[in-house]
Amino acid sequence: MSSAAPIVCHGTDVNERTQCAHWHSERDIIAIKFKCCDEFYACLDCHRETAGHAPEVWPAAEFQAKAIYCGNCKNTLSIERYLSCGNRCPHCQAAFNPGCARHYPLYFEPVEPKTLLGA
């Protein structure tokens, strides 16, 4: 069993599943570690409201970083794994919000899908 410290998810009105004031459907259950500060936030709006600095986009060369946190099972995923998981947590099978894909360029450097996990 891992003795890693629990992940703290920052933001506005964040609950135990990482849902926040901005995004709180049953599928809004991931938090993202921001490249700029190495801290998890429920969403970009939460970062903008509480971090005190501008966000940075994760470069494709760093997509192996464990920067996605599942608010359902509390496991972390690499960015690469998250982007290729089909909107389901590979650990607990909880459904992630497919609409989040519209916001990927705000968090992650755009890449061709075939470059992710050999797709």
PDB file of N, CA and C in Angstrom:
ATOM      1  N   MET A   1       0.843  -1.185   0.000  1.00  0.00           N
ATOM      2  CA  MET A   1       0.000   0.000   0.000  1.00  0.00           C
ATOM      3  C   MET A   1       0.881   1.240   0.000  1.00  0.00           C
ATOM      4  N   SER A   2       0.541   2.206  -0.805  1.00  0.00           N
ATOM      5  CA  SER A   2       1.314   3.442  -0.918  1.00  0.00           C
ATOM      6  C   SER A   2       1.046   4.354   0.271  1.00  0.00           C
ATOM      7  N   SER A   3       2.070   5.038   0.707  1.00  0.00           N
ATOM      8  CA  SER A   3       1.901   5.984   1.811  1.00  0.00           C
ATOM      9  C   SER A   3       1.982   7.416   1.301  1.00  0.00           C
ATOM     10  N   ALA A   4       1.709   7.614   0.016  1.00  0.00           N
ATOM     11  CA  ALA A   4       1.748   8.951  -0.576  1.00  0.00           C
ATOM     12  C   ALA A   4       0.703   9.841   0.090  1.00  0.00           C
ATOM     13  N   ALA A   5       1.054  11.104   0.205  1.00  0.00           N
ATOM     14  CA  ALA A   5       0.119  12.071   0.786  1.00  0.00           C
ATOM     15  C   ALA A   5      -1.101  12.201  -0.115  1.00  0.00           C
ATOM     16  N   PRO A   6      -2.271  12.418   0.486  1.00  0.00           N
ATOM     17  CA  PRO A   6      -3.460  12.591  -0.341  1.00  0.00           C
ATOM     18  C   PRO A   6      -3.313  13.832  -1.239  1.00  0.00           C
ATOM     19  N   ILE A   7      -3.937  13.766  -2.382  1.00  0.00           N
ATOM     20  CA  ILE A   7      -3.886  14.884  -3.317  1.00  0.00           C
ATOM     21  C   ILE A   7      -4.878  15.946  -2.877  1.00  0.00           C
ATOM     22  N   VAL A   8      -4.423  17.169  -2.864  1.00  0.00           N
ATOM     23  CA  VAL A   8      -5.289  18.305  -2.564  1.00  0.00           C
ATOM     24  C   VAL A   8      -5.704  18.919  -3.889  1.00  0.00           C
ATOM     25  N   CYS A   9      -6.996  19.071  -4.083  1.00  0.00           N
ATOM     26  CA  CYS A   9      -7.528  19.689  -5.292  1.00  0.00           C
ATOM     27  C   CYS A   9      -8.013  21.093  -4.941  1.00  0.00           C
ATOM     28  N   HIS A  10      -7.365  22.079  -5.530  1.00  0.00           N
ATOM     29  CA  HIS A  10      -7.696  23.474  -5.264  1.00  0.00           C
ATOM     30  C   HIS A  10      -8.825  23.941  -6.173  1.00  0.00           C
ATOM     31  N   GLY A  11      -9.496  24.995  -5.747  1.00  0.00           N
ATOM     32  CA  GLY A  11     -10.530  25.581  -6.583  1.00  0.00           C
ATOM     33  C   GLY A  11     -11.653  26.181  -5.772  1.00  0.00           C
ATOM     34  N   THR A  12     -12.733  26.463  -6.460  1.00  0.00           N
ATOM     35  CA  THR A  12     -13.895  27.121  -5.864  1.00  0.00           C
ATOM     36  C   THR A  12     -14.980  26.088  -5.590  1.00  0.00           C
ATOM     37  N   ASP A  13     -15.320  25.935  -4.321  1.00  0.00           N
ATOM     38  CA  ASP A  13     -16.353  24.988  -3.888  1.00  0.00           C
ATOM     39  C   ASP A  13     -16.088  23.574  -4.403  1.00  0.00           C
ATOM     40  N   VAL A  14     -14.867  23.091  -4.239  1.00  0.00           N
ATOM     41  CA  VAL A  14     -14.477  21.764  -4.700  1.00  0.00           C
ATOM     42  C   VAL A  14     -14.924  20.719  -3.678  1.00  0.00           C
ATOM     43  N   ASN A  15     -15.548  19.646  -4.179  1.00  0.00           N
ATOM     44  CA  ASN A  15     -15.957  18.562  -3.287  1.00  0.00           C
ATOM     45  C   ASN A  15     -14.971  17.403  -3.373  1.00  0.00           C
ATOM     46  N   GLU A  16     -15.280  16.302  -2.676  1.00  0.00           N
ATOM     47  CA  GLU A  16     -14.358  15.162  -2.603  1.00  0.00           C
ATOM     48  C   GLU A  16     -14.180  14.448  -3.941  1.00  0.00           C
ATOM     49  N   ARG A  17     -15.068  14.691  -4.897  1.00  0.00           N
ATOM     50  CA  ARG A  17     -14.943  14.069  -6.229  1.00  0.00           C
ATOM     51  C   ARG A  17     -14.303  15.026  -7.237  1.00  0.00           C
ATOM     52  N   THR A  18     -13.816  16.143  -6.794  1.00  0.00           N
ATOM     53  CA  THR A  18     -13.152  17.199  -7.577  1.00  0.00           C
ATOM     54  C   THR A  18     -14.120  18.030  -8.412  1.00  0.00           C
ATOM     55  N   GLN A  19     -15.407  17.896  -8.174  1.00  0.00           N
ATOM     56  CA  GLN A  19     -16.376  18.763  -8.840  1.00  0.00           C
ATOM     57  C   GLN A  19     -16.284  20.140  -8.187  1.00  0.00           C
ATOM     58  N   CYS A  20     -16.535  21.175  -8.993  1.00  0.00           N
ATOM     59  CA  CYS A  20     -16.353  22.535  -8.485  1.00  0.00           C
ATOM     60  C   CYS A  20     -17.561  23.402  -8.829  1.00  0.00           C
ATOM     61  N   ALA A  21     -17.463  24.682  -8.492  1.00  0.00           N
ATOM     62  CA  ALA A  21     -18.546  25.622  -8.770  1.00  0.00           C
ATOM     63  C   ALA A  21     -18.817  25.754 -10.268  1.00  0.00           C
ATOM     64  N   HIS A  22     -17.805  25.504 -11.091  1.00  0.00           N
ATOM     65  CA  HIS A  22     -17.938  25.692 -12.542  1.00  0.00           C
ATOM     66  C   HIS A  22     -18.395  24.429 -13.273  1.00  0.00           C
ATOM     67  N   TRP A  23     -17.898  23.288 -12.829  1.00  0.00           N
ATOM     68  CA  TRP A  23     -18.152  22.003 -13.487  1.00  0.00           C
ATOM     69  C   TRP A  23     -18.513  20.978 -12.416  1.00  0.00           C
ATOM     70  N   HIS A  24     -19.764  20.501 -12.440  1.00  0.00           N
ATOM     71  CA  HIS A  24     -20.217  19.650 -11.342  1.00  0.00           C
ATOM     72  C   HIS A  24     -21.227  18.585 -11.759  1.00  0.00           C
ATOM     73  N   SER A  25     -21.142  18.123 -13.013  1.00  0.00           N
ATOM     74  CA  SER A  25     -22.004  17.011 -13.413  1.00  0.00           C
ATOM     75  C   SER A  25     -21.420  15.717 -12.833  1.00  0.00           C
ATOM     76  N   GLU A  26     -22.149  14.631 -12.951  1.00  0.00           N
ATOM     77  CA  GLU A  26     -21.672  13.333 -12.464  1.00  0.00           C
ATOM     78  C   GLU A  26     -20.372  12.913 -13.136  1.00  0.00           C
ATOM     79  N   ARG A  27     -20.108  13.425 -14.340  1.00  0.00           N
ATOM     80  CA  ARG A  27     -18.901  13.045 -15.085  1.00  0.00           C
ATOM     81  C   ARG A  27     -17.741  14.031 -14.905  1.00  0.00           C
ATOM     82  N   ASP A  28     -17.967  15.111 -14.216  1.00  0.00           N
ATOM     83  CA  ASP A  28     -16.896  16.100 -13.986  1.00  0.00           C
ATOM     84  C   ASP A  28     -16.108  15.696 -12.744  1.00  0.00           C
ATOM     85  N   ILE A  29     -15.275  14.674 -12.906  1.00  0.00           N
ATOM     86  CA  ILE A  29     -14.611  14.082 -11.743  1.00  0.00           C
ATOM     87  C   ILE A  29     -13.098  13.963 -11.922  1.00  0.00           C
ATOM     88  N   ILE A  30     -12.507  14.834 -12.729  1.00  0.00           N
ATOM     89  CA  ILE A  30     -11.050  14.826 -12.796  1.00  0.00           C
ATOM     90  C   ILE A  30     -10.518  16.179 -12.355  1.00  0.00           C
ATOM     91  N   ALA A  31      -9.325  16.143 -11.824  1.00  0.00           N
ATOM     92  CA  ALA A  31      -8.580  17.371 -11.527  1.00  0.00           C
ATOM     93  C   ALA A  31      -7.295  17.301 -12.335  1.00  0.00           C
ATOM     94  N   ILE A  32      -6.769  18.455 -12.659  1.00  0.00           N
ATOM     95  CA  ILE A  32      -5.562  18.529 -13.482  1.00  0.00           C
ATOM     96  C   ILE A  32      -4.455  19.225 -12.704  1.00  0.00           C
ATOM     97  N   LYS A  33      -3.278  18.600 -12.705  1.00  0.00           N
ATOM     98  CA  LYS A  33      -2.098  19.235 -12.126  1.00  0.00           C
ATOM     99  C   LYS A  33      -1.600  20.249 -13.151  1.00  0.00           C
ATOM    100  N   PHE A  34      -1.490  21.485 -12.734  1.00  0.00           N
ATOM    101  CA  PHE A  34      -1.060  22.531 -13.655  1.00  0.00           C
ATOM    102  C   PHE A  34       0.458  22.584 -13.733  1.00  0.00           C
ATOM    103  N   LYS A  35       0.947  22.658 -14.950  1.00  0.00           N
ATOM    104  CA  LYS A  35       2.385  22.694 -15.231  1.00  0.00           C
ATOM    105  C   LYS A  35       3.061  23.855 -14.506  1.00  0.00           C
ATOM    106  N   CYS A  36       2.395  24.986 -14.450  1.00  0.00           N
ATOM    107  CA  CYS A  36       2.982  26.210 -13.914  1.00  0.00           C
ATOM    108  C   CYS A  36       3.276  26.157 -12.413  1.00  0.00           C
ATOM    109  N   CYS A  37       2.502  25.386 -11.660  1.00  0.00           N
ATOM    110  CA  CYS A  37       2.634  25.430 -10.203  1.00  0.00           C
ATOM    111  C   CYS A  37       2.695  24.056  -9.540  1.00  0.00           C
ATOM    112  N   ASP A  38       2.551  22.990 -10.342  1.00  0.00           N
ATOM    113  CA  ASP A  38       2.622  21.635  -9.814  1.00  0.00           C
ATOM    114  C   ASP A  38       1.541  21.371  -8.763  1.00  0.00           C
ATOM    115  N   GLU A  39       0.383  22.008  -8.938  1.00  0.00           N
ATOM    116  CA  GLU A  39      -0.753  21.852  -8.026  1.00  0.00           C
ATOM    117  C   GLU A  39      -1.971  21.400  -8.816  1.00  0.00           C
ATOM    118  N   PHE A  40      -2.812  20.587  -8.189  1.00  0.00           N
ATOM    119  CA  PHE A  40      -4.041  20.129  -8.821  1.00  0.00           C
ATOM    120  C   PHE A  40      -5.159  21.152  -8.615  1.00  0.00           C
ATOM    121  N   TYR A  41      -5.892  21.412  -9.699  1.00  0.00           N
ATOM    122  CA  TYR A  41      -7.068  22.285  -9.671  1.00  0.00           C
ATOM    123  C   TYR A  41      -8.210  21.555 -10.344  1.00  0.00           C
ATOM    124  N   ALA A  42      -9.435  21.862  -9.913  1.00  0.00           N
ATOM    125  CA  ALA A  42     -10.611  21.217 -10.496  1.00  0.00           C
ATOM    126  C   ALA A  42     -10.827  21.619 -11.948  1.00  0.00           C
ATOM    127  N   CYS A  43     -10.463  22.850 -12.305  1.00  0.00           N
ATOM    128  CA  CYS A  43     -10.629  23.305 -13.681  1.00  0.00           C
ATOM    129  C   CYS A  43      -9.805  24.571 -13.902  1.00  0.00           C
ATOM    130  N   LEU A  44      -9.770  25.013 -15.140  1.00  0.00           N
ATOM    131  CA  LEU A  44      -9.027  26.216 -15.490  1.00  0.00           C
ATOM    132  C   LEU A  44      -9.595  27.446 -14.798  1.00  0.00           C
ATOM    133  N   ASP A  45     -10.919  27.532 -14.706  1.00  0.00           N
ATOM    134  CA  ASP A  45     -11.529  28.684 -14.029  1.00  0.00           C
ATOM    135  C   ASP A  45     -11.136  28.722 -12.553  1.00  0.00           C
ATOM    136  N   CYS A  46     -11.081  27.567 -11.912  1.00  0.00           N
ATOM    137  CA  CYS A  46     -10.636  27.513 -10.513  1.00  0.00           C
ATOM    138  C   CYS A  46      -9.195  28.016 -10.400  1.00  0.00           C
ATOM    139  N   HIS A  47      -8.338  27.603 -11.335  1.00  0.00           N
ATOM    140  CA  HIS A  47      -6.946  28.065 -11.325  1.00  0.00           C
ATOM    141  C   HIS A  47      -6.896  29.575 -11.497  1.00  0.00           C
ATOM    142  N   ARG A  48      -7.637  30.081 -12.452  1.00  0.00           N
ATOM    143  CA  ARG A  48      -7.648  31.533 -12.707  1.00  0.00           C
ATOM    144  C   ARG A  48      -8.110  32.314 -11.481  1.00  0.00           C
ATOM    145  N   GLU A  49      -9.106  31.778 -10.773  1.00  0.00           N
ATOM    146  CA  GLU A  49      -9.670  32.481  -9.618  1.00  0.00           C
ATOM    147  C   GLU A  49      -8.792  32.416  -8.367  1.00  0.00           C
ATOM    148  N   THR A  50      -8.005  31.357  -8.233  1.00  0.00           N
ATOM    149  CA  THR A  50      -7.330  31.166  -6.946  1.00  0.00           C
ATOM    150  C   THR A  50      -5.807  31.059  -6.979  1.00  0.00           C
ATOM    151  N   ALA A  51      -5.210  30.819  -8.141  1.00  0.00           N
ATOM    152  CA  ALA A  51      -3.762  30.554  -8.175  1.00  0.00           C
ATOM    153  C   ALA A  51      -2.905  31.815  -8.077  1.00  0.00           C
ATOM    154  N   GLY A  52      -3.378  32.913  -8.621  1.00  0.00           N
ATOM    155  CA  GLY A  52      -2.592  34.141  -8.570  1.00  0.00           C
ATOM    156  C   GLY A  52      -1.523  34.247  -9.648  1.00  0.00           C
ATOM    157  N   HIS A  53      -1.587  33.387 -10.655  1.00  0.00           N
ATOM    158  CA  HIS A  53      -0.638  33.450 -11.772  1.00  0.00           C
ATOM    159  C   HIS A  53      -1.288  32.815 -12.998  1.00  0.00           C
ATOM    160  N   ALA A  54      -0.688  33.065 -14.156  1.00  0.00           N
ATOM    161  CA  ALA A  54      -1.221  32.529 -15.410  1.00  0.00           C
ATOM    162  C   ALA A  54      -0.935  31.035 -15.524  1.00  0.00           C
ATOM    163  N   PRO A  55      -1.856  30.285 -16.126  1.00  0.00           N
ATOM    164  CA  PRO A  55      -1.622  28.851 -16.341  1.00  0.00           C
ATOM    165  C   PRO A  55      -0.636  28.622 -17.485  1.00  0.00           C
ATOM    166  N   GLU A  56      -0.013  27.446 -17.472  1.00  0.00           N
ATOM    167  CA  GLU A  56       0.858  27.024 -18.565  1.00  0.00           C
ATOM    168  C   GLU A  56       0.292  25.740 -19.147  1.00  0.00           C
ATOM    169  N   VAL A  57       0.445  25.580 -20.449  1.00  0.00           N
ATOM    170  CA  VAL A  57       0.002  24.373 -21.148  1.00  0.00           C
ATOM    171  C   VAL A  57       1.095  23.312 -21.037  1.00  0.00           C
ATOM    172  N   TRP A  58       0.692  22.073 -20.773  1.00  0.00           N
ATOM    173  CA  TRP A  58       1.649  20.968 -20.722  1.00  0.00           C
ATOM    174  C   TRP A  58       2.190  20.704 -22.123  1.00  0.00           C
ATOM    175  N   PRO A  59       3.508  20.683 -22.312  1.00  0.00           N
ATOM    176  CA  PRO A  59       4.067  20.334 -23.624  1.00  0.00           C
ATOM    177  C   PRO A  59       3.946  18.834 -23.876  1.00  0.00           C
ATOM    178  N   ALA A  60       3.784  18.460 -25.133  1.00  0.00           N
ATOM    179  CA  ALA A  60       3.631  17.049 -25.495  1.00  0.00           C
ATOM    180  C   ALA A  60       4.795  16.197 -24.999  1.00  0.00           C
ATOM    181  N   ALA A  61       5.966  16.762 -24.928  1.00  0.00           N
ATOM    182  CA  ALA A  61       7.144  16.012 -24.468  1.00  0.00           C
ATOM    183  C   ALA A  61       7.019  15.583 -23.006  1.00  0.00           C
ATOM    184  N   GLU A  62       6.070  16.148 -22.279  1.00  0.00           N
ATOM    185  CA  GLU A  62       5.890  15.823 -20.858  1.00  0.00           C
ATOM    186  C   GLU A  62       4.566  15.106 -20.581  1.00  0.00           C
ATOM    187  N   PHE A  63       3.949  14.529 -21.594  1.00  0.00           N
ATOM    188  CA  PHE A  63       2.663  13.862 -21.413  1.00  0.00           C
ATOM    189  C   PHE A  63       2.758  12.594 -20.568  1.00  0.00           C
ATOM    190  N   GLN A  64       3.951  12.158 -20.221  1.00  0.00           N
ATOM    191  CA  GLN A  64       4.087  11.019 -19.312  1.00  0.00           C
ATOM    192  C   GLN A  64       3.876  11.445 -17.848  1.00  0.00           C
ATOM    193  N   ALA A  65       3.796  12.740 -17.590  1.00  0.00           N
ATOM    194  CA  ALA A  65       3.596  13.241 -16.227  1.00  0.00           C
ATOM    195  C   ALA A  65       2.237  12.792 -15.682  1.00  0.00           C
ATOM    196  N   LYS A  66       2.227  12.364 -14.434  1.00  0.00           N
ATOM    197  CA  LYS A  66       0.980  11.958 -13.767  1.00  0.00           C
ATOM    198  C   LYS A  66       0.271  13.232 -13.302  1.00  0.00           C
ATOM    199  N   ALA A  67      -0.523  13.782 -14.204  1.00  0.00           N
ATOM    200  CA  ALA A  67      -1.122  15.090 -13.967  1.00  0.00           C
ATOM    201  C   ALA A  67      -2.648  15.075 -13.980  1.00  0.00           C
ATOM    202  N   ILE A  68      -3.244  13.897 -14.020  1.00  0.00           N
ATOM    203  CA  ILE A  68      -4.707  13.786 -14.003  1.00  0.00           C
ATOM    204  C   ILE A  68      -5.097  12.949 -12.788  1.00  0.00           C
ATOM    205  N   TYR A  69      -6.044  13.450 -12.027  1.00  0.00           N
ATOM    206  CA  TYR A  69      -6.495  12.803 -10.801  1.00  0.00           C
ATOM    207  C   TYR A  69      -7.963  12.437 -10.940  1.00  0.00           C
ATOM    208  N   CYS A  70      -8.285  11.172 -10.775  1.00  0.00           N
ATOM    209  CA  CYS A  70      -9.677  10.721 -10.816  1.00  0.00           C
ATOM    210  C   CYS A  70     -10.314  10.968  -9.449  1.00  0.00           C
ATOM    211  N   GLY A  71     -11.326  11.798  -9.427  1.00  0.00           N
ATOM    212  CA  GLY A  71     -12.019  12.104  -8.181  1.00  0.00           C
ATOM    213  C   GLY A  71     -12.892  10.966  -7.686  1.00  0.00           C
ATOM    214  N   ASN A  72     -13.077   9.949  -8.505  1.00  0.00           N
ATOM    215  CA  ASN A  72     -13.872   8.803  -8.084  1.00  0.00           C
ATOM    216  C   ASN A  72     -13.036   7.793  -7.311  1.00  0.00           C
ATOM    217  N   CYS A  73     -11.909   7.348  -7.908  1.00  0.00           N
ATOM    218  CA  CYS A  73     -11.099   6.305  -7.258  1.00  0.00           C
ATOM    219  C   CYS A  73      -9.803   6.831  -6.632  1.00  0.00           C
ATOM    220  N   LYS A  74      -9.495   8.111  -6.863  1.00  0.00           N
ATOM    221  CA  LYS A  74      -8.323   8.777  -6.267  1.00  0.00           C
ATOM    222  C   LYS A  74      -6.989   8.315  -6.853  1.00  0.00           C
ATOM    223  N   ASN A  75      -7.014   7.716  -8.034  1.00  0.00           N
ATOM    224  CA  ASN A  75      -5.780   7.352  -8.728  1.00  0.00           C
ATOM    225  C   ASN A  75      -5.352   8.484  -9.654  1.00  0.00           C
ATOM    226  N   THR A  76      -4.072   8.516  -9.956  1.00  0.00           N
ATOM    227  CA  THR A  76      -3.570   9.496 -10.914  1.00  0.00           C
ATOM    228  C   THR A  76      -3.236   8.800 -12.230  1.00  0.00           C
ATOM    229  N   LEU A  77      -3.385   9.549 -13.295  1.00  0.00           N
ATOM    230  CA  LEU A  77      -3.103   9.063 -14.644  1.00  0.00           C
ATOM    231  C   LEU A  77      -2.087   9.984 -15.290  1.00  0.00           C
ATOM    232  N   SER A  78      -1.300   9.429 -16.193  1.00  0.00           N
ATOM    233  CA  SER A  78      -0.458  10.302 -17.006  1.00  0.00           C
ATOM    234  C   SER A  78      -1.374  11.054 -17.974  1.00  0.00           C
ATOM    235  N   ILE A  79      -0.901  12.165 -18.460  1.00  0.00           N
ATOM    236  CA  ILE A  79      -1.669  12.919 -19.454  1.00  0.00           C
ATOM    237  C   ILE A  79      -1.918  12.034 -20.669  1.00  0.00           C
ATOM    238  N   GLU A  80      -0.887  11.334 -21.098  1.00  0.00           N
ATOM    239  CA  GLU A  80      -1.001  10.447 -22.258  1.00  0.00           C
ATOM    240  C   GLU A  80      -2.109   9.415 -22.062  1.00  0.00           C
ATOM    241  N   ARG A  81      -2.144   8.801 -20.901  1.00  0.00           N
ATOM    242  CA  ARG A  81      -3.160   7.777 -20.608  1.00  0.00           C
ATOM    243  C   ARG A  81      -4.553   8.402 -20.581  1.00  0.00           C
ATOM    244  N   TYR A  82      -4.673   9.566 -19.977  1.00  0.00           N
ATOM    245  CA  TYR A  82      -5.963  10.258 -19.910  1.00  0.00           C
ATOM    246  C   TYR A  82      -6.483  10.585 -21.312  1.00  0.00           C
ATOM    247  N   LEU A  83      -5.615  11.113 -22.153  1.00  0.00           N
ATOM    248  CA  LEU A  83      -6.038  11.515 -23.492  1.00  0.00           C
ATOM    249  C   LEU A  83      -6.430  10.330 -24.365  1.00  0.00           C
ATOM    250  N   SER A  84      -6.019   9.142 -23.984  1.00  0.00           N
ATOM    251  CA  SER A  84      -6.323   7.958 -24.799  1.00  0.00           C
ATOM    252  C   SER A  84      -7.259   6.962 -24.096  1.00  0.00           C
ATOM    253  N   CYS A  85      -7.888   7.349 -23.000  1.00  0.00           N
ATOM    254  CA  CYS A  85      -8.669   6.396 -22.200  1.00  0.00           C
ATOM    255  C   CYS A  85     -10.123   6.256 -22.621  1.00  0.00           C
ATOM    256  N   GLY A  86     -10.562   6.983 -23.632  1.00  0.00           N
ATOM    257  CA  GLY A  86     -11.944   6.845 -24.061  1.00  0.00           C
ATOM    258  C   GLY A  86     -12.955   7.377 -23.073  1.00  0.00           C
ATOM    259  N   ASN A  87     -12.569   8.388 -22.305  1.00  0.00           N
ATOM    260  CA  ASN A  87     -13.455   9.035 -21.322  1.00  0.00           C
ATOM    261  C   ASN A  87     -13.924   8.115 -20.208  1.00  0.00           C
ATOM    262  N   ARG A  88     -13.073   7.149 -19.842  1.00  0.00           N
ATOM    263  CA  ARG A  88     -13.332   6.274 -18.692  1.00  0.00           C
ATOM    264  C   ARG A  88     -12.040   6.100 -17.925  1.00  0.00           C
ATOM    265  N   CYS A  89     -12.141   6.132 -16.617  1.00  0.00           N
ATOM    266  CA  CYS A  89     -10.957   5.890 -15.800  1.00  0.00           C
ATOM    267  C   CYS A  89     -10.495   4.456 -16.014  1.00  0.00           C
ATOM    268  N   PRO A  90      -9.231   4.252 -16.359  1.00  0.00           N
ATOM    269  CA  PRO A  90      -8.746   2.890 -16.562  1.00  0.00           C
ATOM    270  C   PRO A  90      -8.645   2.092 -15.256  1.00  0.00           C
ATOM    271  N   HIS A  91      -8.713   2.779 -14.121  1.00  0.00           N
ATOM    272  CA  HIS A  91      -8.636   2.097 -12.822  1.00  0.00           C
ATOM    273  C   HIS A  91     -10.010   1.659 -12.318  1.00  0.00           C
ATOM    274  N   CYS A  92     -10.992   2.560 -12.357  1.00  0.00           N
ATOM    275  CA  CYS A  92     -12.302   2.254 -11.761  1.00  0.00           C
ATOM    276  C   CYS A  92     -13.447   2.245 -12.769  1.00  0.00           C
ATOM    277  N   GLN A  93     -13.170   2.595 -14.009  1.00  0.00           N
ATOM    278  CA  GLN A  93     -14.156   2.636 -15.091  1.00  0.00           C
ATOM    279  C   GLN A  93     -15.202   3.738 -14.945  1.00  0.00           C
ATOM    280  N   ALA A  94     -14.992   4.683 -14.035  1.00  0.00           N
ATOM    281  CA  ALA A  94     -15.913   5.811 -13.923  1.00  0.00           C
ATOM    282  C   ALA A  94     -15.876   6.615 -15.212  1.00  0.00           C
ATOM    283  N   ALA A  95     -17.028   7.120 -15.613  1.00  0.00           N
ATOM    284  CA  ALA A  95     -17.134   7.903 -16.840  1.00  0.00           C
ATOM    285  C   ALA A  95     -16.638   9.325 -16.601  1.00  0.00           C
ATOM    286  N   PHE A  96     -15.787   9.791 -17.533  1.00  0.00           N
ATOM    287  CA  PHE A  96     -15.329  11.176 -17.532  1.00  0.00           C
ATOM    288  C   PHE A  96     -16.170  11.962 -18.536  1.00  0.00           C
ATOM    289  N   ASN A  97     -16.253  13.251 -18.359  1.00  0.00           N
ATOM    290  CA  ASN A  97     -17.046  14.113 -19.227  1.00  0.00           C
ATOM    291  C   ASN A  97     -16.388  14.214 -20.607  1.00  0.00           C
ATOM    292  N   PRO A  98     -17.030  13.689 -21.662  1.00  0.00           N
ATOM    293  CA  PRO A  98     -16.430  13.770 -22.995  1.00  0.00           C
ATOM    294  C   PRO A  98     -16.329  15.202 -23.507  1.00  0.00           C
ATOM    295  N   GLY A  99     -17.135  16.100 -22.967  1.00  0.00           N
ATOM    296  CA  GLY A  99     -17.083  17.501 -23.365  1.00  0.00           C
ATOM    297  C   GLY A  99     -15.785  18.183 -22.981  1.00  0.00           C
ATOM    298  N   CYS A 100     -15.058  17.600 -22.055  1.00  0.00           N
ATOM    299  CA  CYS A 100     -13.774  18.180 -21.643  1.00  0.00           C
ATOM    300  C   CYS A 100     -12.793  18.255 -22.813  1.00  0.00           C
ATOM    301  N   ALA A 101     -12.970  17.392 -23.806  1.00  0.00           N
ATOM    302  CA  ALA A 101     -12.065  17.390 -24.961  1.00  0.00           C
ATOM    303  C   ALA A 101     -12.032  18.744 -25.655  1.00  0.00           C
ATOM    304  N   ARG A 102     -13.119  19.483 -25.591  1.00  0.00           N
ATOM    305  CA  ARG A 102     -13.138  20.822 -26.200  1.00  0.00           C
ATOM    306  C   ARG A 102     -12.133  21.766 -25.541  1.00  0.00           C
ATOM    307  N   HIS A 103     -11.752  21.465 -24.314  1.00  0.00           N
ATOM    308  CA  HIS A 103     -10.851  22.339 -23.560  1.00  0.00           C
ATOM    309  C   HIS A 103      -9.413  21.853 -23.535  1.00  0.00           C
ATOM    310  N   TYR A 104      -9.121  20.711 -24.120  1.00  0.00           N
ATOM    311  CA  TYR A 104      -7.762  20.172 -24.077  1.00  0.00           C
ATOM    312  C   TYR A 104      -6.695  21.174 -24.481  1.00  0.00           C
ATOM    313  N   PRO A 105      -6.905  21.987 -25.533  1.00  0.00           N
ATOM    314  CA  PRO A 105      -5.843  22.940 -25.911  1.00  0.00           C
ATOM    315  C   PRO A 105      -5.531  23.980 -24.827  1.00  0.00           C
ATOM    316  N   LEU A 106      -6.421  24.146 -23.872  1.00  0.00           N
ATOM    317  CA  LEU A 106      -6.169  25.086 -22.767  1.00  0.00           C
ATOM    318  C   LEU A 106      -5.235  24.475 -21.723  1.00  0.00           C
ATOM    319  N   TYR A 107      -5.116  23.150 -21.738  1.00  0.00           N
ATOM    320  CA  TYR A 107      -4.310  22.427 -20.760  1.00  0.00           C
ATOM    321  C   TYR A 107      -3.098  21.725 -21.367  1.00  0.00           C
ATOM    322  N   PHE A 108      -3.272  21.209 -22.585  1.00  0.00           N
ATOM    323  CA  PHE A 108      -2.279  20.330 -23.203  1.00  0.00           C
ATOM    324  C   PHE A 108      -1.923  20.809 -24.606  1.00  0.00           C
ATOM    325  N   GLU A 109      -0.653  20.723 -24.938  1.00  0.00           N
ATOM    326  CA  GLU A 109      -0.229  21.039 -26.298  1.00  0.00           C
ATOM    327  C   GLU A 109      -0.951  20.106 -27.267  1.00  0.00           C
ATOM    328  N   PRO A 110      -1.566  20.644 -28.316  1.00  0.00           N
ATOM    329  CA  PRO A 110      -2.260  19.769 -29.271  1.00  0.00           C
ATOM    330  C   PRO A 110      -1.285  18.815 -29.974  1.00  0.00           C
ATOM    331  N   VAL A 111      -1.700  17.552 -30.115  1.00  0.00           N
ATOM    332  CA  VAL A 111      -0.916  16.529 -30.821  1.00  0.00           C
ATOM    333  C   VAL A 111      -1.838  15.704 -31.686  1.00  0.00           C
ATOM    334  N   GLU A 112      -1.275  15.031 -32.639  1.00  0.00           N
ATOM    335  CA  GLU A 112      -2.035  14.099 -33.476  1.00  0.00           C
ATOM    336  C   GLU A 112      -2.428  12.898 -32.622  1.00  0.00           C
ATOM    337  N   PRO A 113      -3.670  12.446 -32.690  1.00  0.00           N
ATOM    338  CA  PRO A 113      -4.105  11.288 -31.876  1.00  0.00           C
ATOM    339  C   PRO A 113      -3.225  10.059 -32.031  1.00  0.00           C
ATOM    340  N   LYS A 114      -2.662   9.833 -33.203  1.00  0.00           N
ATOM    341  CA  LYS A 114      -1.851   8.618 -33.414  1.00  0.00           C
ATOM    342  C   LYS A 114      -0.561   8.611 -32.596  1.00  0.00           C
ATOM    343  N   THR A 115      -0.165   9.763 -32.053  1.00  0.00           N
ATOM    344  CA  THR A 115       1.056   9.816 -31.264  1.00  0.00           C
ATOM    345  C   THR A 115       0.819   9.419 -29.809  1.00  0.00           C
ATOM    346  N   LEU A 116      -0.418   9.227 -29.418  1.00  0.00           N
ATOM    347  CA  LEU A 116      -0.751   8.872 -28.036  1.00  0.00           C
ATOM    348  C   LEU A 116      -0.833   7.354 -27.892  1.00  0.00           C
ATOM    349  N   LEU A 117       0.023   6.795 -27.071  1.00  0.00           N
ATOM    350  CA  LEU A 117       0.010   5.371 -26.742  1.00  0.00           C
ATOM    351  C   LEU A 117      -0.140   4.470 -27.962  1.00  0.00           C
ATOM    352  N   GLY A 118       0.527   4.849 -29.021  1.00  0.00           N
ATOM    353  CA  GLY A 118       0.542   4.014 -30.212  1.00  0.00           C
ATOM    354  C   GLY A 118      -0.781   3.917 -30.928  1.00  0.00           C
ATOM    355  N   ALA A 119      -1.689   4.836 -30.685  1.00  0.00           N
ATOM    356  CA  ALA A 119      -3.010   4.796 -31.337  1.00  0.00           C
ATOM    357  C   ALA A 119      -2.903   4.925 -32.839  1.00  0.00           C
TER     358      ALA A 119
END
